[in-house]
């Protein structure tokens, strides 16, 4: 019997028991579709995160005070440091100091926790912040220490019932020091519907001039972060080192500051996503083993049911090799059909979930090829034992089988 005859017999056997064949393939289908869906969503998530970082700008250097060292008051950044970095370090375009602290915000009819970021007008030149109404902090706000704030649109809608709340007043500060301020702008909260779902439990996200923040919390005015936008991405690491050296000279200290490029952060995030994708994909792949056991089980049943047929084939000249190949092909076909259906379903699931998560999944040729080869390997591996059992049957005993 040649390979084409074996293939024909195998296909006829699969089609003769459609429901049994489908149930046998189900484990393979679930396993392949799960792996492809998870990998595609994982790669799509990586692409989304990378694009978000690119929107921020990979030419951003973050200078931080190292909290793992012993710090004194003189080690923290100052507004004069910001000016010196701009004036003395080449290729530096913008520098935005940052202090983030939870405060309390009291509106006309509501009191909310407020995640407050104190910064300067350079912040929007470094990070993309979409202003929906009003404006962001400007240079005069910082220079004069004006009592102004910019809040997110989700909080504005929850508190006032509408987003355009420019001109409204809010008291902001600590329990012992609440200061009246004016809302000068409303920016888009990128969390959108997710943030809105938490309602009053979601804190207000506020930007305020760093000089106004100094009035609110005078005893805790420690600038720990400087965001720096550079014009030359290739020299970002060198620029970061130069900034650290300048700061150490100004503050008369050593090894107190760290410079981090966002490119490295992208790599770290991608590595973490890769690890999680591999782990979850491996867990989903366990169902392939279960599917393979199902293939082996049904092939053993098929060998038992077709014992007399095997005896007749051997009696008219079929060799042990012919029988072995015939049943291996049948096992392989079951796995391959299951694998193809799984690949199609996995791709559909990936794009369906991608629409819900607003992520464009990436179904690569390599992923599909690996899934195809893996399903083939499952068919061969779990088909060897039943095929070998069929091949070893004694033709005389097989012909006597009822």
Foldseek 3Di string as FASTA:
>chain_A
DDLVVLLVVLVVVCVVCVVLLCVLLVLLLQLLLQLLLLQQLLVLVLVVVVVQVVQLNLQKKKKFFPPVDDDDQLLFDDVVLQVCLVPPFPQWDHKKFWDWDWKWKAFPPDIFIETEIAIAPCNCVRGPWAWPDFDDHHPVCQVVVAQEKEWEQLVCCLPVVGRHQFQGWMWIAHPVATDIGGYRTYIHDPCPPVQNVCRRNRGIYMYHHLSNVCVRCVPPSGGGMMMIRGRDSVCSVVSQVVSVVVSCVVSVHPPRMDMDRVVVVSVVVSVVSVVVSVVSSVVSNVSLLVSLLSLLVVLLVVLLVCLQVLLVCVVVPDALVNLLSSQLSSLLVSLQVSLVSSVVSSVVSNVVVCVVVVTRTDRDPVSSVVSNVVSNVSSNVSRNVSSNVSSPDDSVVSNVRD
